[in-house]
Amino acid sequence: MKQTQLLKGVLEGCVLLIVLENEVYGYEMIQLLRKHGFKEIVAGTVYPLLQKLEKQGYLSSVIKPSPEGPDRRYYCITPEGKTHCGDFIEQWKDLVCKVDNLICLKGGKLDE
């Protein structure tokens, strides 16, 4: 299984976790995801996800002038987004626990 398939299911939660801190514009989100280890992330994945999260009511956006270049769309989390992010955290913890338990049953490796 490719890592991109695994990432697809959790990227939404990761984006919300980043926006919890403060408002972020699209390119900045890509840079922050890369800084946090998501080295393969591309704009074609992030921008549609930001739009989807806004459409779902988890993010709101405002356009602000940029110190260089065109105006930027800044995203911030909504109260619904905070709730959704909290749900993500609980679901992630539960999933990690279950997978870790299975891995530990195998001693952390496959039998030859």
PDB file of N, CA and C in Angstrom:
ATOM      1  N   MET A   1       0.849  -1.189   0.000  1.00  0.00           N
ATOM      2  CA  MET A   1       0.000   0.000   0.000  1.00  0.00           C
ATOM      3  C   MET A   1       0.885   1.239   0.000  1.00  0.00           C
ATOM      4  N   LYS A   2       0.564   2.157  -0.854  1.00  0.00           N
ATOM      5  CA  LYS A   2       1.332   3.383  -0.923  1.00  0.00           C
ATOM      6  C   LYS A   2       0.976   4.289   0.255  1.00  0.00           C
ATOM      7  N   GLN A   3       1.975   5.036   0.714  1.00  0.00           N
ATOM      8  CA  GLN A   3       1.750   5.961   1.819  1.00  0.00           C
ATOM      9  C   GLN A   3       0.700   7.000   1.457  1.00  0.00           C
ATOM     10  N   THR A   4       0.615   7.380   0.176  1.00  0.00           N
ATOM     11  CA  THR A   4      -0.363   8.389  -0.229  1.00  0.00           C
ATOM     12  C   THR A   4      -1.790   7.918   0.033  1.00  0.00           C
ATOM     13  N   GLN A   5      -2.041   6.621  -0.092  1.00  0.00           N
ATOM     14  CA  GLN A   5      -3.377   6.098   0.194  1.00  0.00           C
ATOM     15  C   GLN A   5      -3.688   6.192   1.683  1.00  0.00           C
ATOM     16  N   LEU A   6      -2.708   5.904   2.519  1.00  0.00           N
ATOM     17  CA  LEU A   6      -2.903   6.039   3.959  1.00  0.00           C
ATOM     18  C   LEU A   6      -3.101   7.505   4.347  1.00  0.00           C
ATOM     19  N   LEU A   7      -2.306   8.362   3.745  1.00  0.00           N
ATOM     20  CA  LEU A   7      -2.353   9.787   4.063  1.00  0.00           C
ATOM     21  C   LEU A   7      -3.689  10.422   3.699  1.00  0.00           C
ATOM     22  N   LYS A   8      -4.279   9.966   2.615  1.00  0.00           N
ATOM     23  CA  LYS A   8      -5.536  10.546   2.131  1.00  0.00           C
ATOM     24  C   LYS A   8      -6.586  10.601   3.230  1.00  0.00           C
ATOM     25  N   GLY A   9      -6.649   9.568   4.042  1.00  0.00           N
ATOM     26  CA  GLY A   9      -7.656   9.499   5.088  1.00  0.00           C
ATOM     27  C   GLY A   9      -7.388  10.385   6.290  1.00  0.00           C
ATOM     28  N   VAL A  10      -6.138  10.811   6.489  1.00  0.00           N
ATOM     29  CA  VAL A  10      -5.819  11.585   7.686  1.00  0.00           C
ATOM     30  C   VAL A  10      -5.412  13.034   7.398  1.00  0.00           C
ATOM     31  N   LEU A  11      -5.216  13.359   6.142  1.00  0.00           N
ATOM     32  CA  LEU A  11      -4.746  14.703   5.806  1.00  0.00           C
ATOM     33  C   LEU A  11      -5.727  15.784   6.252  1.00  0.00           C
ATOM     34  N   GLU A  12      -7.008  15.500   6.140  1.00  0.00           N
ATOM     35  CA  GLU A  12      -8.031  16.462   6.570  1.00  0.00           C
ATOM     36  C   GLU A  12      -7.823  16.848   8.034  1.00  0.00           C
ATOM     37  N   GLY A  13      -7.636  15.842   8.880  1.00  0.00           N
ATOM     38  CA  GLY A  13      -7.402  16.107  10.305  1.00  0.00           C
ATOM     39  C   GLY A  13      -6.113  16.866  10.539  1.00  0.00           C
ATOM     40  N   CYS A  14      -5.076  16.550   9.783  1.00  0.00           N
ATOM     41  CA  CYS A  14      -3.788  17.235   9.930  1.00  0.00           C
ATOM     42  C   CYS A  14      -3.912  18.711   9.552  1.00  0.00           C
ATOM     43  N   VAL A  15      -4.657  18.994   8.495  1.00  0.00           N
ATOM     44  CA  VAL A  15      -4.881  20.378   8.079  1.00  0.00           C
ATOM     45  C   VAL A  15      -5.627  21.136   9.179  1.00  0.00           C
ATOM     46  N   LEU A  16      -6.645  20.520   9.746  1.00  0.00           N
ATOM     47  CA  LEU A  16      -7.393  21.181  10.820  1.00  0.00           C
ATOM     48  C   LEU A  16      -6.506  21.416  12.044  1.00  0.00           C
ATOM     49  N   LEU A  17      -5.635  20.475  12.353  1.00  0.00           N
ATOM     50  CA  LEU A  17      -4.717  20.649  13.486  1.00  0.00           C
ATOM     51  C   LEU A  17      -3.799  21.846  13.258  1.00  0.00           C
ATOM     52  N   ILE A  18      -3.335  22.032  12.033  1.00  0.00           N
ATOM     53  CA  ILE A  18      -2.462  23.171  11.737  1.00  0.00           C
ATOM     54  C   ILE A  18      -3.231  24.479  11.851  1.00  0.00           C
ATOM     55  N   VAL A  19      -4.468  24.498  11.365  1.00  0.00           N
ATOM     56  CA  VAL A  19      -5.255  25.737  11.385  1.00  0.00           C
ATOM     57  C   VAL A  19      -5.747  26.069  12.803  1.00  0.00           C
ATOM     58  N   LEU A  20      -5.705  25.107  13.709  1.00  0.00           N
ATOM     59  CA  LEU A  20      -6.080  25.390  15.103  1.00  0.00           C
ATOM     60  C   LEU A  20      -5.227  26.517  15.684  1.00  0.00           C
ATOM     61  N   GLU A  21      -3.972  26.557  15.297  1.00  0.00           N
ATOM     62  CA  GLU A  21      -3.029  27.528  15.863  1.00  0.00           C
ATOM     63  C   GLU A  21      -3.328  28.957  15.429  1.00  0.00           C
ATOM     64  N   ASN A  22      -3.441  29.168  14.128  1.00  0.00           N
ATOM     65  CA  ASN A  22      -3.753  30.489  13.600  1.00  0.00           C
ATOM     66  C   ASN A  22      -4.105  30.382  12.126  1.00  0.00           C
ATOM     67  N   GLU A  23      -4.604  31.467  11.564  1.00  0.00           N
ATOM     68  CA  GLU A  23      -5.031  31.434  10.174  1.00  0.00           C
ATOM     69  C   GLU A  23      -3.835  31.202   9.254  1.00  0.00           C
ATOM     70  N   VAL A  24      -4.106  30.521   8.152  1.00  0.00           N
ATOM     71  CA  VAL A  24      -3.055  30.090   7.241  1.00  0.00           C
ATOM     72  C   VAL A  24      -3.557  30.252   5.805  1.00  0.00           C
ATOM     73  N   TYR A  25      -2.692  30.695   4.911  1.00  0.00           N
ATOM     74  CA  TYR A  25      -3.067  30.726   3.497  1.00  0.00           C
ATOM     75  C   TYR A  25      -2.548  29.446   2.823  1.00  0.00           C
ATOM     76  N   GLY A  26      -3.047  29.166   1.632  1.00  0.00           N
ATOM     77  CA  GLY A  26      -2.818  27.882   0.978  1.00  0.00           C
ATOM     78  C   GLY A  26      -1.372  27.461   0.849  1.00  0.00           C
ATOM     79  N   TYR A  27      -0.534  28.308   0.279  1.00  0.00           N
ATOM     80  CA  TYR A  27       0.866  27.936   0.087  1.00  0.00           C
ATOM     81  C   TYR A  27       1.560  27.732   1.434  1.00  0.00           C
ATOM     82  N   GLU A  28       1.196  28.555   2.408  1.00  0.00           N
ATOM     83  CA  GLU A  28       1.749  28.415   3.757  1.00  0.00           C
ATOM     84  C   GLU A  28       1.368  27.056   4.345  1.00  0.00           C
ATOM     85  N   MET A  29       0.139  26.595   4.081  1.00  0.00           N
ATOM     86  CA  MET A  29      -0.299  25.287   4.565  1.00  0.00           C
ATOM     87  C   MET A  29       0.592  24.191   3.976  1.00  0.00           C
ATOM     88  N   ILE A  30       0.884  24.280   2.686  1.00  0.00           N
ATOM     89  CA  ILE A  30       1.749  23.295   2.040  1.00  0.00           C
ATOM     90  C   ILE A  30       3.111  23.285   2.728  1.00  0.00           C
ATOM     91  N   GLN A  31       3.672  24.456   2.984  1.00  0.00           N
ATOM     92  CA  GLN A  31       4.983  24.557   3.624  1.00  0.00           C
ATOM     93  C   GLN A  31       4.950  23.988   5.043  1.00  0.00           C
ATOM     94  N   LEU A  32       3.889  24.271   5.782  1.00  0.00           N
ATOM     95  CA  LEU A  32       3.778  23.760   7.153  1.00  0.00           C
ATOM     96  C   LEU A  32       3.633  22.240   7.173  1.00  0.00           C
ATOM     97  N   LEU A  33       2.855  21.697   6.252  1.00  0.00           N
ATOM     98  CA  LEU A  33       2.731  20.241   6.168  1.00  0.00           C
ATOM     99  C   LEU A  33       4.084  19.610   5.868  1.00  0.00           C
ATOM    100  N   ARG A  34       4.827  20.213   4.947  1.00  0.00           N
ATOM    101  CA  ARG A  34       6.161  19.697   4.614  1.00  0.00           C
ATOM    102  C   ARG A  34       7.085  19.793   5.824  1.00  0.00           C
ATOM    103  N   LYS A  35       7.007  20.899   6.539  1.00  0.00           N
ATOM    104  CA  LYS A  35       7.832  21.096   7.748  1.00  0.00           C
ATOM    105  C   LYS A  35       7.551  20.004   8.780  1.00  0.00           C
ATOM    106  N   HIS A  36       6.309  19.549   8.831  1.00  0.00           N
ATOM    107  CA  HIS A  36       5.909  18.519   9.797  1.00  0.00           C
ATOM    108  C   HIS A  36       6.090  17.103   9.248  1.00  0.00           C
ATOM    109  N   GLY A  37       6.828  16.977   8.148  1.00  0.00           N
ATOM    110  CA  GLY A  37       7.192  15.655   7.667  1.00  0.00           C
ATOM    111  C   GLY A  37       6.439  15.143   6.457  1.00  0.00           C
ATOM    112  N   PHE A  38       5.451  15.867   5.990  1.00  0.00           N
ATOM    113  CA  PHE A  38       4.684  15.445   4.816  1.00  0.00           C
ATOM    114  C   PHE A  38       5.384  15.984   3.562  1.00  0.00           C
ATOM    115  N   LYS A  39       6.545  15.439   3.282  1.00  0.00           N
ATOM    116  CA  LYS A  39       7.436  15.962   2.238  1.00  0.00           C
ATOM    117  C   LYS A  39       6.856  15.861   0.829  1.00  0.00           C
ATOM    118  N   GLU A  40       5.994  14.887   0.586  1.00  0.00           N
ATOM    119  CA  GLU A  40       5.483  14.642  -0.764  1.00  0.00           C
ATOM    120  C   GLU A  40       4.209  15.420  -1.081  1.00  0.00           C
ATOM    121  N   ILE A  41       3.743  16.232  -0.164  1.00  0.00           N
ATOM    122  CA  ILE A  41       2.458  16.918  -0.342  1.00  0.00           C
ATOM    123  C   ILE A  41       2.558  17.951  -1.470  1.00  0.00           C
ATOM    124  N   VAL A  42       1.512  18.054  -2.276  1.00  0.00           N
ATOM    125  CA  VAL A  42       1.517  18.977  -3.418  1.00  0.00           C
ATOM    126  C   VAL A  42       0.289  19.890  -3.371  1.00  0.00           C
ATOM    127  N   ALA A  43       0.397  21.001  -4.081  1.00  0.00           N
ATOM    128  CA  ALA A  43      -0.685  21.984  -4.111  1.00  0.00           C
ATOM    129  C   ALA A  43      -1.984  21.377  -4.622  1.00  0.00           C
ATOM    130  N   GLY A  44      -1.882  20.478  -5.584  1.00  0.00           N
ATOM    131  CA  GLY A  44      -3.070  19.858  -6.162  1.00  0.00           C
ATOM    132  C   GLY A  44      -3.851  19.014  -5.180  1.00  0.00           C
ATOM    133  N   THR A  45      -3.254  18.699  -4.049  1.00  0.00           N
ATOM    134  CA  THR A  45      -3.938  17.977  -2.977  1.00  0.00           C
ATOM    135  C   THR A  45      -4.481  18.950  -1.939  1.00  0.00           C
ATOM    136  N   VAL A  46      -3.690  19.949  -1.598  1.00  0.00           N
ATOM    137  CA  VAL A  46      -4.027  20.843  -0.480  1.00  0.00           C
ATOM    138  C   VAL A  46      -5.136  21.838  -0.831  1.00  0.00           C
ATOM    139  N   TYR A  47      -5.039  22.498  -1.970  1.00  0.00           N
ATOM    140  CA  TYR A  47      -6.036  23.528  -2.299  1.00  0.00           C
ATOM    141  C   TYR A  47      -7.462  22.970  -2.396  1.00  0.00           C
ATOM    142  N   PRO A  48      -7.667  21.850  -3.082  1.00  0.00           N
ATOM    143  CA  PRO A  48      -9.028  21.288  -3.100  1.00  0.00           C
ATOM    144  C   PRO A  48      -9.509  20.868  -1.702  1.00  0.00           C
ATOM    145  N   LEU A  49      -8.581  20.390  -0.867  1.00  0.00           N
ATOM    146  CA  LEU A  49      -8.960  19.995   0.489  1.00  0.00           C
ATOM    147  C   LEU A  49      -9.386  21.210   1.307  1.00  0.00           C
ATOM    148  N   LEU A  50      -8.666  22.311   1.187  1.00  0.00           N
ATOM    149  CA  LEU A  50      -9.061  23.538   1.890  1.00  0.00           C
ATOM    150  C   LEU A  50     -10.448  23.987   1.446  1.00  0.00           C
ATOM    151  N   GLN A  51     -10.716  23.936   0.139  1.00  0.00           N
ATOM    152  CA  GLN A  51     -12.031  24.316  -0.378  1.00  0.00           C
ATOM    153  C   GLN A  51     -13.117  23.384   0.146  1.00  0.00           C
ATOM    154  N   LYS A  52     -12.819  22.089   0.189  1.00  0.00           N
ATOM    155  CA  LYS A  52     -13.793  21.107   0.693  1.00  0.00           C
ATOM    156  C   LYS A  52     -14.100  21.361   2.168  1.00  0.00           C
ATOM    157  N   LEU A  53     -13.068  21.612   2.966  1.00  0.00           N
ATOM    158  CA  LEU A  53     -13.273  21.870   4.395  1.00  0.00           C
ATOM    159  C   LEU A  53     -14.066  23.152   4.623  1.00  0.00           C
ATOM    160  N   GLU A  54     -13.868  24.133   3.759  1.00  0.00           N
ATOM    161  CA  GLU A  54     -14.654  25.366   3.870  1.00  0.00           C
ATOM    162  C   GLU A  54     -16.109  25.097   3.496  1.00  0.00           C
ATOM    163  N   LYS A  55     -16.317  24.347   2.434  1.00  0.00           N
ATOM    164  CA  LYS A  55     -17.676  24.018   1.994  1.00  0.00           C
ATOM    165  C   LYS A  55     -18.425  23.231   3.072  1.00  0.00           C
ATOM    166  N   GLN A  56     -17.701  22.379   3.806  1.00  0.00           N
ATOM    167  CA  GLN A  56     -18.306  21.585   4.879  1.00  0.00           C
ATOM    168  C   GLN A  56     -18.538  22.403   6.154  1.00  0.00           C
ATOM    169  N   GLY A  57     -18.036  23.627   6.177  1.00  0.00           N
ATOM    170  CA  GLY A  57     -18.234  24.496   7.334  1.00  0.00           C
ATOM    171  C   GLY A  57     -17.185  24.346   8.417  1.00  0.00           C
ATOM    172  N   TYR A  58     -16.089  23.622   8.140  1.00  0.00           N
ATOM    173  CA  TYR A  58     -15.032  23.413   9.133  1.00  0.00           C
ATOM    174  C   TYR A  58     -13.991  24.528   9.105  1.00  0.00           C
ATOM    175  N   LEU A  59     -13.902  25.229   7.977  1.00  0.00           N
ATOM    176  CA  LEU A  59     -13.008  26.373   7.834  1.00  0.00           C
ATOM    177  C   LEU A  59     -13.803  27.538   7.273  1.00  0.00           C
ATOM    178  N   SER A  60     -13.341  28.738   7.572  1.00  0.00           N
ATOM    179  CA  SER A  60     -13.852  29.925   6.903  1.00  0.00           C
ATOM    180  C   SER A  60     -12.644  30.626   6.303  1.00  0.00           C
ATOM    181  N   SER A  61     -12.893  31.501   5.338  1.00  0.00           N
ATOM    182  CA  SER A  61     -11.753  32.173   4.707  1.00  0.00           C
ATOM    183  C   SER A  61     -12.052  33.641   4.481  1.00  0.00           C
ATOM    184  N   VAL A  62     -10.969  34.386   4.385  1.00  0.00           N
ATOM    185  CA  VAL A  62     -11.054  35.812   4.075  1.00  0.00           C
ATOM    186  C   VAL A  62      -9.860  36.141   3.171  1.00  0.00           C
ATOM    187  N   ILE A  63     -10.089  37.007   2.203  1.00  0.00           N
ATOM    188  CA  ILE A  63      -9.016  37.411   1.299  1.00  0.00           C
ATOM    189  C   ILE A  63      -8.373  38.672   1.857  1.00  0.00           C
ATOM    190  N   LYS A  64      -7.041  38.630   1.946  1.00  0.00           N
ATOM    191  CA  LYS A  64      -6.277  39.764   2.472  1.00  0.00           C
ATOM    192  C   LYS A  64      -5.174  40.118   1.491  1.00  0.00           C
ATOM    193  N   PRO A  65      -4.783  41.387   1.482  1.00  0.00           N
ATOM    194  CA  PRO A  65      -3.664  41.779   0.615  1.00  0.00           C
ATOM    195  C   PRO A  65      -2.381  41.069   1.047  1.00  0.00           C
ATOM    196  N   SER A  66      -1.549  40.793   0.085  1.00  0.00           N
ATOM    197  CA  SER A  66      -0.258  40.160   0.337  1.00  0.00           C
ATOM    198  C   SER A  66       0.831  41.217   0.289  1.00  0.00           C
ATOM    199  N   PRO A  67       1.838  41.088   1.147  1.00  0.00           N
ATOM    200  CA  PRO A  67       2.947  42.046   1.077  1.00  0.00           C
ATOM    201  C   PRO A  67       3.703  41.958  -0.251  1.00  0.00           C
ATOM    202  N   GLU A  68       3.638  40.766  -0.888  1.00  0.00           N
ATOM    203  CA  GLU A  68       4.232  40.609  -2.217  1.00  0.00           C
ATOM    204  C   GLU A  68       3.301  39.776  -3.075  1.00  0.00           C
ATOM    205  N   GLY A  69       3.008  40.258  -4.253  1.00  0.00           N
ATOM    206  CA  GLY A  69       2.165  39.496  -5.170  1.00  0.00           C
ATOM    207  C   GLY A  69       0.681  39.698  -4.942  1.00  0.00           C
ATOM    208  N   PRO A  70      -0.118  38.750  -5.487  1.00  0.00           N
ATOM    209  CA  PRO A  70      -1.581  38.881  -5.416  1.00  0.00           C
ATOM    210  C   PRO A  70      -2.127  38.660  -3.999  1.00  0.00           C
ATOM    211  N   ASP A  71      -3.382  39.042  -3.808  1.00  0.00           N
ATOM    212  CA  ASP A  71      -4.045  38.830  -2.518  1.00  0.00           C
ATOM    213  C   ASP A  71      -4.040  37.343  -2.173  1.00  0.00           C
ATOM    214  N   ARG A  72      -4.145  37.045  -0.876  1.00  0.00           N
ATOM    215  CA  ARG A  72      -4.138  35.664  -0.402  1.00  0.00           C
ATOM    216  C   ARG A  72      -5.438  35.340   0.325  1.00  0.00           C
ATOM    217  N   ARG A  73      -5.868  34.099   0.194  1.00  0.00           N
ATOM    218  CA  ARG A  73      -7.039  33.610   0.919  1.00  0.00           C
ATOM    219  C   ARG A  73      -6.542  32.933   2.196  1.00  0.00           C
ATOM    220  N   TYR A  74      -6.900  33.508   3.330  1.00  0.00           N
ATOM    221  CA  TYR A  74      -6.508  32.964   4.629  1.00  0.00           C
ATOM    222  C   TYR A  74      -7.659  32.135   5.199  1.00  0.00           C
ATOM    223  N   TYR A  75      -7.310  30.973   5.715  1.00  0.00           N
ATOM    224  CA  TYR A  75      -8.294  30.054   6.295  1.00  0.00           C
ATOM    225  C   TYR A  75      -8.150  30.027   7.810  1.00  0.00           C
ATOM    226  N   CYS A  76      -9.294  29.997   8.496  1.00  0.00           N
ATOM    227  CA  CYS A  76      -9.279  29.798   9.938  1.00  0.00           C
ATOM    228  C   CYS A  76     -10.373  28.788  10.295  1.00  0.00           C
ATOM    229  N   ILE A  77     -10.196  28.168  11.436  1.00  0.00           N
ATOM    230  CA  ILE A  77     -11.101  27.092  11.845  1.00  0.00           C
ATOM    231  C   ILE A  77     -12.380  27.674  12.435  1.00  0.00           C
ATOM    232  N   THR A  78     -13.481  27.009  12.191  1.00  0.00           N
ATOM    233  CA  THR A  78     -14.782  27.404  12.742  1.00  0.00           C
ATOM    234  C   THR A  78     -15.040  26.568  14.005  1.00  0.00           C
ATOM    235  N   PRO A  79     -16.059  26.926  14.778  1.00  0.00           N
ATOM    236  CA  PRO A  79     -16.411  26.078  15.926  1.00  0.00           C
ATOM    237  C   PRO A  79     -16.717  24.635  15.508  1.00  0.00           C
ATOM    238  N   GLU A  80     -17.386  24.472  14.353  1.00  0.00           N
ATOM    239  CA  GLU A  80     -17.669  23.124  13.850  1.00  0.00           C
ATOM    240  C   GLU A  80     -16.373  22.406  13.492  1.00  0.00           C
ATOM    241  N   GLY A  81     -15.403  23.170  12.961  1.00  0.00           N
ATOM    242  CA  GLY A  81     -14.101  22.611  12.619  1.00  0.00           C
ATOM    243  C   GLY A  81     -13.352  22.143  13.855  1.00  0.00           C
ATOM    244  N   LYS A  82     -13.461  22.901  14.947  1.00  0.00           N
ATOM    245  CA  LYS A  82     -12.811  22.498  16.205  1.00  0.00           C
ATOM    246  C   LYS A  82     -13.414  21.193  16.713  1.00  0.00           C
ATOM    247  N   THR A  83     -14.735  21.082  16.639  1.00  0.00           N
ATOM    248  CA  THR A  83     -15.400  19.846  17.061  1.00  0.00           C
ATOM    249  C   THR A  83     -14.953  18.680  16.190  1.00  0.00           C
ATOM    250  N   HIS A  84     -14.933  18.898  14.883  1.00  0.00           N
ATOM    251  CA  HIS A  84     -14.515  17.858  13.942  1.00  0.00           C
ATOM    252  C   HIS A  84     -13.060  17.454  14.202  1.00  0.00           C
ATOM    253  N   CYS A  85     -12.225  18.423  14.509  1.00  0.00           N
ATOM    254  CA  CYS A  85     -10.816  18.161  14.808  1.00  0.00           C
ATOM    255  C   CYS A  85     -10.689  17.325  16.080  1.00  0.00           C
ATOM    256  N   GLY A  86     -11.484  17.638  17.080  1.00  0.00           N
ATOM    257  CA  GLY A  86     -11.486  16.842  18.312  1.00  0.00           C
ATOM    258  C   GLY A  86     -11.911  15.409  18.048  1.00  0.00           C
ATOM    259  N   ASP A  87     -12.923  15.239  17.194  1.00  0.00           N
ATOM    260  CA  ASP A  87     -13.362  13.893  16.802  1.00  0.00           C
ATOM    261  C   ASP A  87     -12.245  13.151  16.079  1.00  0.00           C
ATOM    262  N   PHE A  88     -11.537  13.863  15.187  1.00  0.00           N
ATOM    263  CA  PHE A  88     -10.414  13.258  14.473  1.00  0.00           C
ATOM    264  C   PHE A  88      -9.357  12.755  15.450  1.00  0.00           C
ATOM    265  N   ILE A  89      -9.028  13.591  16.430  1.00  0.00           N
ATOM    266  CA  ILE A  89      -7.996  13.214  17.407  1.00  0.00           C
ATOM    267  C   ILE A  89      -8.401  11.936  18.137  1.00  0.00           C
ATOM    268  N   GLU A  90      -9.639  11.856  18.582  1.00  0.00           N
ATOM    269  CA  GLU A  90     -10.099  10.655  19.298  1.00  0.00           C
ATOM    270  C   GLU A  90     -10.095   9.424  18.396  1.00  0.00           C
ATOM    271  N   GLN A  91     -10.569   9.582  17.164  1.00  0.00           N
ATOM    272  CA  GLN A  91     -10.590   8.457  16.225  1.00  0.00           C
ATOM    273  C   GLN A  91      -9.170   8.018  15.887  1.00  0.00           C
ATOM    274  N   TRP A  92      -8.260   8.980  15.727  1.00  0.00           N
ATOM    275  CA  TRP A  92      -6.870   8.658  15.407  1.00  0.00           C
ATOM    276  C   TRP A  92      -6.228   7.885  16.557  1.00  0.00           C
ATOM    277  N   LYS A  93      -6.407   8.364  17.781  1.00  0.00           N
ATOM    278  CA  LYS A  93      -5.845   7.673  18.945  1.00  0.00           C
ATOM    279  C   LYS A  93      -6.356   6.240  19.032  1.00  0.00           C
ATOM    280  N   ASP A  94      -7.640   6.056  18.803  1.00  0.00           N
ATOM    281  CA  ASP A  94      -8.246   4.732  18.851  1.00  0.00           C
ATOM    282  C   ASP A  94      -7.658   3.824  17.769  1.00  0.00           C
ATOM    283  N   LEU A  95      -7.541   4.352  16.554  1.00  0.00           N
ATOM    284  CA  LEU A  95      -6.997   3.566  15.444  1.00  0.00           C
ATOM    285  C   LEU A  95      -5.540   3.194  15.689  1.00  0.00           C
ATOM    286  N   VAL A  96      -4.741   4.155  16.131  1.00  0.00           N
ATOM    287  CA  VAL A  96      -3.323   3.893  16.409  1.00  0.00           C
ATOM    288  C   VAL A  96      -3.189   2.815  17.480  1.00  0.00           C
ATOM    289  N   CYS A  97      -4.010   2.878  18.500  1.00  0.00           N
ATOM    290  CA  CYS A  97      -3.978   1.885  19.565  1.00  0.00           C
ATOM    291  C   CYS A  97      -4.261   0.485  19.017  1.00  0.00           C
ATOM    292  N   LYS A  98      -5.272   0.376  18.188  1.00  0.00           N
ATOM    293  CA  LYS A  98      -5.636  -0.925  17.615  1.00  0.00           C
ATOM    294  C   LYS A  98      -4.534  -1.476  16.715  1.00  0.00           C
ATOM    295  N   VAL A  99      -3.975  -0.621  15.864  1.00  0.00           N
ATOM    296  CA  VAL A  99      -2.916  -1.065  14.960  1.00  0.00           C
ATOM    297  C   VAL A  99      -1.662  -1.423  15.758  1.00  0.00           C
ATOM    298  N   ASP A 100      -1.312  -0.599  16.741  1.00  0.00           N
ATOM    299  CA  ASP A 100      -0.148  -0.903  17.584  1.00  0.00           C
ATOM    300  C   ASP A 100      -0.317  -2.240  18.301  1.00  0.00           C
ATOM    301  N   ASN A 101      -1.519  -2.510  18.776  1.00  0.00           N
ATOM    302  CA  ASN A 101      -1.775  -3.789  19.448  1.00  0.00           C
ATOM    303  C   ASN A 101      -1.534  -4.961  18.501  1.00  0.00           C
ATOM    304  N   LEU A 102      -2.003  -4.839  17.270  1.00  0.00           N
ATOM    305  CA  LEU A 102      -1.785  -5.905  16.295  1.00  0.00           C
ATOM    306  C   LEU A 102      -0.305  -6.074  15.970  1.00  0.00           C
ATOM    307  N   ILE A 103       0.393  -4.966  15.825  1.00  0.00           N
ATOM    308  CA  ILE A 103       1.828  -5.026  15.538  1.00  0.00           C
ATOM    309  C   ILE A 103       2.573  -5.677  16.700  1.00  0.00           C
ATOM    310  N   CYS A 104       2.209  -5.317  17.920  1.00  0.00           N
ATOM    311  CA  CYS A 104       2.863  -5.899  19.099  1.00  0.00           C
ATOM    312  C   CYS A 104       2.611  -7.399  19.198  1.00  0.00           C
ATOM    313  N   LEU A 105       1.428  -7.842  18.805  1.00  0.00           N
ATOM    314  CA  LEU A 105       1.133  -9.282  18.814  1.00  0.00           C
ATOM    315  C   LEU A 105       2.090 -10.050  17.910  1.00  0.00           C
ATOM    316  N   LYS A 106       2.562  -9.399  16.890  1.00  0.00           N
ATOM    317  CA  LYS A 106       3.502 -10.009  15.946  1.00  0.00           C
ATOM    318  C   LYS A 106       4.948  -9.704  16.321  1.00  0.00           C
ATOM    319  N   GLY A 107       5.166  -9.112  17.472  1.00  0.00           N
ATOM    320  CA  GLY A 107       6.523  -8.784  17.886  1.00  0.00           C
ATOM    321  C   GLY A 107       7.140  -7.667  17.073  1.00  0.00           C
ATOM    322  N   GLY A 108       6.319  -6.899  16.403  1.00  0.00           N
ATOM    323  CA  GLY A 108       6.796  -5.781  15.617  1.00  0.00           C
ATOM    324  C   GLY A 108       7.358  -6.142  14.267  1.00  0.00           C
ATOM    325  N   LYS A 109       7.233  -7.405  13.872  1.00  0.00           N
ATOM    326  CA  LYS A 109       7.750  -7.809  12.568  1.00  0.00           C
ATOM    327  C   LYS A 109       6.986  -9.014  12.053  1.00  0.00           C
ATOM    328  N   LEU A 110       7.137  -9.276  10.791  1.00  0.00           N
ATOM    329  CA  LEU A 110       6.505 -10.439  10.176  1.00  0.00           C
ATOM    330  C   LEU A 110       7.357 -11.666  10.433  1.00  0.00           C
ATOM    331  N   ASP A 111       6.706 -12.779  10.698  1.00  0.00           N
ATOM    332  CA  ASP A 111       7.437 -14.044  10.815  1.00  0.00           C
ATOM    333  C   ASP A 111       7.921 -14.458   9.442  1.00  0.00           C
ATOM    334  N   GLU A 112       9.125 -14.973   9.398  1.00  0.00           N
ATOM    335  CA  GLU A 112       9.674 -15.413   8.106  1.00  0.00           C
ATOM    336  C   GLU A 112       9.121 -16.752   7.709  1.00  0.00           C
TER     337      GLU A 112
END
